[in-house]
């Protein structure tokens, strides 16, 4: 599981891969059926946003957020 990070808002959470793909997400509750389940099954679905030019992507932190 190390190539994944968890994101959430104290109500729901998702596992995000190193490639910025949401590969596991259950809603509206954590014990619901997964909407995206590629973590366990390659055909399980995922959600990905990709930059058109990934070599030009910059990451930054907005202070106090």
PDB file of N, CA and C in Angstrom:
ATOM      1  N   UNK A   1       0.807  -1.203   0.000  1.00  0.00           N
ATOM      2  CA  UNK A   1       0.000   0.000   0.000  1.00  0.00           C
ATOM      3  C   UNK A   1       0.843   1.257   0.000  1.00  0.00           C
ATOM      4  N   UNK A   2       2.126   1.160   0.091  1.00  0.00           N
ATOM      5  CA  UNK A   2       2.958   2.346   0.195  1.00  0.00           C
ATOM      6  C   UNK A   2       2.902   3.282  -1.008  1.00  0.00           C
ATOM      7  N   UNK A   3       2.588   2.806  -2.223  1.00  0.00           N
ATOM      8  CA  UNK A   3       2.502   3.777  -3.314  1.00  0.00           C
ATOM      9  C   UNK A   3       1.204   4.582  -3.298  1.00  0.00           C
ATOM     10  N   UNK A   4       0.459   4.540  -2.194  1.00  0.00           N
ATOM     11  CA  UNK A   4      -0.805   5.263  -2.092  1.00  0.00           C
ATOM     12  C   UNK A   4      -0.777   6.248  -0.933  1.00  0.00           C
ATOM     13  N   UNK A   5      -1.555   7.307  -1.089  1.00  0.00           N
ATOM     14  CA  UNK A   5      -1.780   8.282  -0.023  1.00  0.00           C
ATOM     15  C   UNK A   5      -3.279   8.347   0.202  1.00  0.00           C
ATOM     16  N   UNK A   6      -3.675   8.693   1.420  1.00  0.00           N
ATOM     17  CA  UNK A   6      -5.101   8.820   1.720  1.00  0.00           C
ATOM     18  C   UNK A   6      -5.453  10.303   1.773  1.00  0.00           C
ATOM     19  N   UNK A   7      -6.571  10.651   1.162  1.00  0.00           N
ATOM     20  CA  UNK A   7      -7.095  12.006   1.246  1.00  0.00           C
ATOM     21  C   UNK A   7      -8.537  11.903   1.740  1.00  0.00           C
ATOM     22  N   UNK A   8      -8.996  12.909   2.432  1.00  0.00           N
ATOM     23  CA  UNK A   8     -10.365  12.878   2.927  1.00  0.00           C
ATOM     24  C   UNK A   8     -10.729  14.154   3.644  1.00  0.00           C
ATOM     25  N   UNK A   9     -11.969  14.157   4.152  1.00  0.00           N
ATOM     26  CA  UNK A   9     -12.471  15.349   4.836  1.00  0.00           C
ATOM     27  C   UNK A   9     -13.165  14.999   6.141  1.00  0.00           C
ATOM     28  N   UNK A  10     -12.788  13.901   6.767  1.00  0.00           N
ATOM     29  CA  UNK A  10     -13.377  13.383   8.015  1.00  0.00           C
ATOM     30  C   UNK A  10     -14.750  12.743   7.803  1.00  0.00           C
ATOM     31  N   UNK A  11     -15.282  12.772   6.602  1.00  0.00           N
ATOM     32  CA  UNK A  11     -16.538  12.110   6.274  1.00  0.00           C
ATOM     33  C   UNK A  11     -16.293  10.956   5.311  1.00  0.00           C
ATOM     34  N   UNK A  12     -15.515  11.204   4.274  1.00  0.00           N
ATOM     35  CA  UNK A  12     -15.158  10.207   3.266  1.00  0.00           C
ATOM     36  C   UNK A  12     -13.657  10.285   3.030  1.00  0.00           C
ATOM     37  N   UNK A  13     -13.100   9.219   2.478  1.00  0.00           N
ATOM     38  CA  UNK A  13     -11.681   9.223   2.143  1.00  0.00           C
ATOM     39  C   UNK A  13     -11.459   8.401   0.881  1.00  0.00           C
ATOM     40  N   UNK A  14     -10.305   8.618   0.269  1.00  0.00           N
ATOM     41  CA  UNK A  14      -9.953   7.921  -0.968  1.00  0.00           C
ATOM     42  C   UNK A  14      -8.465   7.629  -0.943  1.00  0.00           C
ATOM     43  N   UNK A  15      -8.073   6.591  -1.674  1.00  0.00           N
ATOM     44  CA  UNK A  15      -6.665   6.279  -1.846  1.00  0.00           C
ATOM     45  C   UNK A  15      -6.214   6.790  -3.206  1.00  0.00           C
ATOM     46  N   UNK A  16      -5.141   7.559  -3.205  1.00  0.00           N
ATOM     47  CA  UNK A  16      -4.614   8.175  -4.417  1.00  0.00           C
ATOM     48  C   UNK A  16      -3.250   7.567  -4.715  1.00  0.00           C
ATOM     49  N   UNK A  17      -3.063   7.113  -5.953  1.00  0.00           N
ATOM     50  CA  UNK A  17      -1.806   6.491  -6.338  1.00  0.00           C
ATOM     51  C   UNK A  17      -0.734   7.534  -6.613  1.00  0.00           C
ATOM     52  N   UNK A  18       0.499   7.061  -6.789  1.00  0.00           N
ATOM     53  CA  UNK A  18       1.602   7.959  -7.124  1.00  0.00           C
ATOM     54  C   UNK A  18       1.392   8.642  -8.470  1.00  0.00           C
ATOM     55  N   UNK A  19       0.553   8.066  -9.311  1.00  0.00           N
ATOM     56  CA  UNK A  19       0.258   8.664 -10.618  1.00  0.00           C
ATOM     57  C   UNK A  19      -0.944   9.615 -10.551  1.00  0.00           C
ATOM     58  N   UNK A  20      -1.377   9.986  -9.349  1.00  0.00           N
ATOM     59  CA  UNK A  20      -2.492  10.908  -9.114  1.00  0.00           C
ATOM     60  C   UNK A  20      -3.830  10.327  -9.560  1.00  0.00           C
ATOM     61  N   UNK A  21      -3.986   9.033  -9.459  1.00  0.00           N
ATOM     62  CA  UNK A  21      -5.233   8.362  -9.805  1.00  0.00           C
ATOM     63  C   UNK A  21      -5.941   7.927  -8.527  1.00  0.00           C
ATOM     64  N   UNK A  22      -7.222   8.235  -8.406  1.00  0.00           N
ATOM     65  CA  UNK A  22      -7.997   7.745  -7.274  1.00  0.00           C
ATOM     66  C   UNK A  22      -8.399   6.312  -7.603  1.00  0.00           C
ATOM     67  N   UNK A  23      -7.773   5.372  -6.903  1.00  0.00           N
ATOM     68  CA  UNK A  23      -7.967   3.952  -7.195  1.00  0.00           C
ATOM     69  C   UNK A  23      -8.891   3.256  -6.202  1.00  0.00           C
ATOM     70  N   UNK A  24      -9.231   3.902  -5.099  1.00  0.00           N
ATOM     71  CA  UNK A  24     -10.160   3.317  -4.134  1.00  0.00           C
ATOM     72  C   UNK A  24     -10.957   4.436  -3.496  1.00  0.00           C
ATOM     73  N   UNK A  25     -12.292   4.350  -3.631  1.00  0.00           N
ATOM     74  CA  UNK A  25     -13.157   5.378  -3.061  1.00  0.00           C
ATOM     75  C   UNK A  25     -14.526   4.767  -2.807  1.00  0.00           C
ATOM     76  N   UNK A  26     -14.981   4.840  -1.581  1.00  0.00           N
ATOM     77  CA  UNK A  26     -16.309   4.348  -1.197  1.00  0.00           C
ATOM     78  C   UNK A  26     -17.148   5.544  -0.750  1.00  0.00           C
ATOM     79  N   UNK A  27     -18.378   5.609  -1.195  1.00  0.00           N
ATOM     80  CA  UNK A  27     -19.258   6.715  -0.817  1.00  0.00           C
ATOM     81  C   UNK A  27     -20.693   6.214  -0.791  1.00  0.00           C
ATOM     82  N   UNK A  28     -21.544   6.753   0.005  1.00  0.00           N
ATOM     83  CA  UNK A  28     -21.344   7.912   0.869  1.00  0.00           C
ATOM     84  C   UNK A  28     -20.697   7.583   2.210  1.00  0.00           C
ATOM     85  N   UNK A  29     -20.491   6.297   2.500  1.00  0.00           N
ATOM     86  CA  UNK A  29     -19.884   5.896   3.780  1.00  0.00           C
ATOM     87  C   UNK A  29     -18.647   5.053   3.500  1.00  0.00           C
ATOM     88  N   UNK A  30     -17.709   5.011   4.445  1.00  0.00           N
ATOM     89  CA  UNK A  30     -16.507   4.206   4.242  1.00  0.00           C
ATOM     90  C   UNK A  30     -16.783   2.715   4.068  1.00  0.00           C
ATOM     91  N   UNK A  31     -17.906   2.228   4.583  1.00  0.00           N
ATOM     92  CA  UNK A  31     -18.229   0.806   4.436  1.00  0.00           C
ATOM     93  C   UNK A  31     -19.175   0.534   3.264  1.00  0.00           C
ATOM     94  N   UNK A  32     -19.384   1.518   2.394  1.00  0.00           N
ATOM     95  CA  UNK A  32     -20.202   1.349   1.186  1.00  0.00           C
ATOM     96  C   UNK A  32     -19.408   0.603   0.120  1.00  0.00           C
ATOM     97  N   UNK A  33     -20.117   0.149  -0.905  1.00  0.00           N
ATOM     98  CA  UNK A  33     -19.450  -0.462  -2.052  1.00  0.00           C
ATOM     99  C   UNK A  33     -18.534   0.583  -2.703  1.00  0.00           C
ATOM    100  N   UNK A  34     -17.370   0.178  -3.197  1.00  0.00           N
ATOM    101  CA  UNK A  34     -16.467   1.162  -3.805  1.00  0.00           C
ATOM    102  C   UNK A  34     -16.985   1.678  -5.146  1.00  0.00           C
ATOM    103  N   UNK A  35     -16.823   2.977  -5.352  1.00  0.00           N
ATOM    104  CA  UNK A  35     -17.123   3.577  -6.657  1.00  0.00           C
ATOM    105  C   UNK A  35     -15.946   3.376  -7.591  1.00  0.00           C
ATOM    106  N   UNK A  36     -14.738   3.455  -7.042  1.00  0.00           N
ATOM    107  CA  UNK A  36     -13.512   3.190  -7.783  1.00  0.00           C
ATOM    108  C   UNK A  36     -12.780   2.091  -7.031  1.00  0.00           C
ATOM    109  N   UNK A  37     -12.435   0.999  -7.718  1.00  0.00           N
ATOM    110  CA  UNK A  37     -11.834  -0.135  -7.033  1.00  0.00           C
ATOM    111  C   UNK A  37     -10.623  -0.717  -7.731  1.00  0.00           C
ATOM    112  N   UNK A  38      -9.914   0.090  -8.504  1.00  0.00           N
ATOM    113  CA  UNK A  38      -8.753  -0.419  -9.230  1.00  0.00           C
ATOM    114  C   UNK A  38      -7.662  -0.933  -8.293  1.00  0.00           C
ATOM    115  N   UNK A  39      -7.703  -0.555  -7.051  1.00  0.00           N
ATOM    116  CA  UNK A  39      -6.726  -1.051  -6.080  1.00  0.00           C
ATOM    117  C   UNK A  39      -6.742  -2.572  -6.024  1.00  0.00           C
ATOM    118  N   UNK A  40      -7.925  -3.172  -6.124  1.00  0.00           N
ATOM    119  CA  UNK A  40      -8.056  -4.629  -6.048  1.00  0.00           C
ATOM    120  C   UNK A  40      -8.277  -5.292  -7.393  1.00  0.00           C
ATOM    121  N   UNK A  41      -8.787  -4.546  -8.365  1.00  0.00           N
ATOM    122  CA  UNK A  41      -9.125  -5.133  -9.663  1.00  0.00           C
ATOM    123  C   UNK A  41      -8.810  -4.115 -10.757  1.00  0.00           C
ATOM    124  N   UNK A  42      -7.929  -4.440 -11.708  1.00  0.00           N
ATOM    125  CA  UNK A  42      -7.580  -3.487 -12.763  1.00  0.00           C
ATOM    126  C   UNK A  42      -8.790  -2.955 -13.537  1.00  0.00           C
ATOM    127  N   UNK A  43      -9.877  -3.725 -13.585  1.00  0.00           N
ATOM    128  CA  UNK A  43     -11.091  -3.270 -14.265  1.00  0.00           C
ATOM    129  C   UNK A  43     -12.058  -2.598 -13.299  1.00  0.00           C
ATOM    130  N   UNK A  44     -11.638  -2.361 -12.062  1.00  0.00           N
ATOM    131  CA  UNK A  44     -12.507  -1.828 -11.029  1.00  0.00           C
ATOM    132  C   UNK A  44     -12.791  -0.353 -11.126  1.00  0.00           C
ATOM    133  N   UNK A  45     -12.176   0.339 -12.039  1.00  0.00           N
ATOM    134  CA  UNK A  45     -12.444   1.759 -12.229  1.00  0.00           C
ATOM    135  C   UNK A  45     -11.489   2.642 -11.454  1.00  0.00           C
ATOM    136  N   UNK A  46     -11.321   3.854 -11.943  1.00  0.00           N
ATOM    137  CA  UNK A  46     -10.465   4.848 -11.306  1.00  0.00           C
ATOM    138  C   UNK A  46     -10.860   6.229 -11.812  1.00  0.00           C
ATOM    139  N   UNK A  47     -10.305   7.242 -11.182  1.00  0.00           N
ATOM    140  CA  UNK A  47     -10.522   8.622 -11.601  1.00  0.00           C
ATOM    141  C   UNK A  47      -9.158   9.282 -11.686  1.00  0.00           C
ATOM    142  N   UNK A  48      -8.835   9.823 -12.843  1.00  0.00           N
ATOM    143  CA  UNK A  48      -7.520  10.429 -13.036  1.00  0.00           C
ATOM    144  C   UNK A  48      -7.658  11.786 -13.710  1.00  0.00           C
ATOM    145  N   UNK A  49      -6.940  12.753 -13.191  1.00  0.00           N
ATOM    146  CA  UNK A  49      -6.753  14.042 -13.846  1.00  0.00           C
ATOM    147  C   UNK A  49      -5.282  14.101 -14.231  1.00  0.00           C
ATOM    148  N   UNK A  50      -5.017  14.353 -15.484  1.00  0.00           N
ATOM    149  CA  UNK A  50      -3.635  14.381 -15.941  1.00  0.00           C
ATOM    150  C   UNK A  50      -3.306  15.714 -16.594  1.00  0.00           C
ATOM    151  N   UNK A  51      -2.123  16.195 -16.313  1.00  0.00           N
ATOM    152  CA  UNK A  51      -1.655  17.427 -16.941  1.00  0.00           C
ATOM    153  C   UNK A  51      -1.267  17.143 -18.385  1.00  0.00           C
ATOM    154  N   UNK A  52      -1.568  18.068 -19.300  1.00  0.00           N
ATOM    155  CA  UNK A  52      -1.195  17.834 -20.693  1.00  0.00           C
ATOM    156  C   UNK A  52       0.320  17.763 -20.888  1.00  0.00           C
ATOM    157  N   UNK A  53       1.067  18.442 -20.028  1.00  0.00           N
ATOM    158  CA  UNK A  53       2.531  18.446 -20.101  1.00  0.00           C
ATOM    159  C   UNK A  53       3.072  18.166 -18.688  1.00  0.00           C
ATOM    160  N   UNK A  54       3.130  16.892 -18.269  1.00  0.00           N
ATOM    161  CA  UNK A  54       3.517  16.577 -16.891  1.00  0.00           C
ATOM    162  C   UNK A  54       4.914  17.061 -16.507  1.00  0.00           C
ATOM    163  N   UNK A  55       5.787  17.262 -17.458  1.00  0.00           N
ATOM    164  CA  UNK A  55       7.129  17.741 -17.137  1.00  0.00           C
ATOM    165  C   UNK A  55       7.127  19.222 -16.732  1.00  0.00           C
ATOM    166  N   UNK A  56       5.992  19.905 -16.906  1.00  0.00           N
ATOM    167  CA  UNK A  56       5.891  21.322 -16.559  1.00  0.00           C
ATOM    168  C   UNK A  56       5.049  21.560 -15.302  1.00  0.00           C
ATOM    169  N   UNK A  57       4.683  20.511 -14.593  1.00  0.00           N
ATOM    170  CA  UNK A  57       3.843  20.627 -13.406  1.00  0.00           C
ATOM    171  C   UNK A  57       4.680  21.105 -12.222  1.00  0.00           C
ATOM    172  N   UNK A  58       4.115  22.020 -11.435  1.00  0.00           N
ATOM    173  CA  UNK A  58       4.772  22.543 -10.245  1.00  0.00           C
ATOM    174  C   UNK A  58       3.839  22.330  -9.068  1.00  0.00           C
ATOM    175  N   UNK A  59       4.391  21.868  -7.966  1.00  0.00           N
ATOM    176  CA  UNK A  59       3.601  21.660  -6.752  1.00  0.00           C
ATOM    177  C   UNK A  59       4.049  22.676  -5.717  1.00  0.00           C
ATOM    178  N   UNK A  60       3.070  23.239  -4.996  1.00  0.00           N
ATOM    179  CA  UNK A  60       3.415  24.207  -3.957  1.00  0.00           C
ATOM    180  C   UNK A  60       2.422  24.095  -2.814  1.00  0.00           C
ATOM    181  N   UNK A  61       2.748  24.683  -1.693  1.00  0.00           N
ATOM    182  CA  UNK A  61       1.911  24.671  -0.506  1.00  0.00           C
ATOM    183  C   UNK A  61       1.480  26.099  -0.193  1.00  0.00           C
ATOM    184  N   UNK A  62       0.186  26.296  -0.014  1.00  0.00           N
ATOM    185  CA  UNK A  62      -0.323  27.610   0.373  1.00  0.00           C
ATOM    186  C   UNK A  62      -0.293  27.664   1.887  1.00  0.00           C
ATOM    187  N   UNK A  63       0.464  28.580   2.407  1.00  0.00           N
ATOM    188  CA  UNK A  63       0.687  28.675   3.849  1.00  0.00           C
ATOM    189  C   UNK A  63      -0.632  28.800   4.629  1.00  0.00           C
ATOM    190  N   UNK A  64      -0.701  28.089   5.750  1.00  0.00           N
ATOM    191  CA  UNK A  64      -1.848  28.104   6.673  1.00  0.00           C
ATOM    192  C   UNK A  64      -3.111  27.491   6.064  1.00  0.00           C
ATOM    193  N   UNK A  65      -2.954  26.536   5.168  1.00  0.00           N
ATOM    194  CA  UNK A  65      -4.130  25.860   4.634  1.00  0.00           C
ATOM    195  C   UNK A  65      -4.157  24.421   5.075  1.00  0.00           C
TER     196      UNK A  65
END
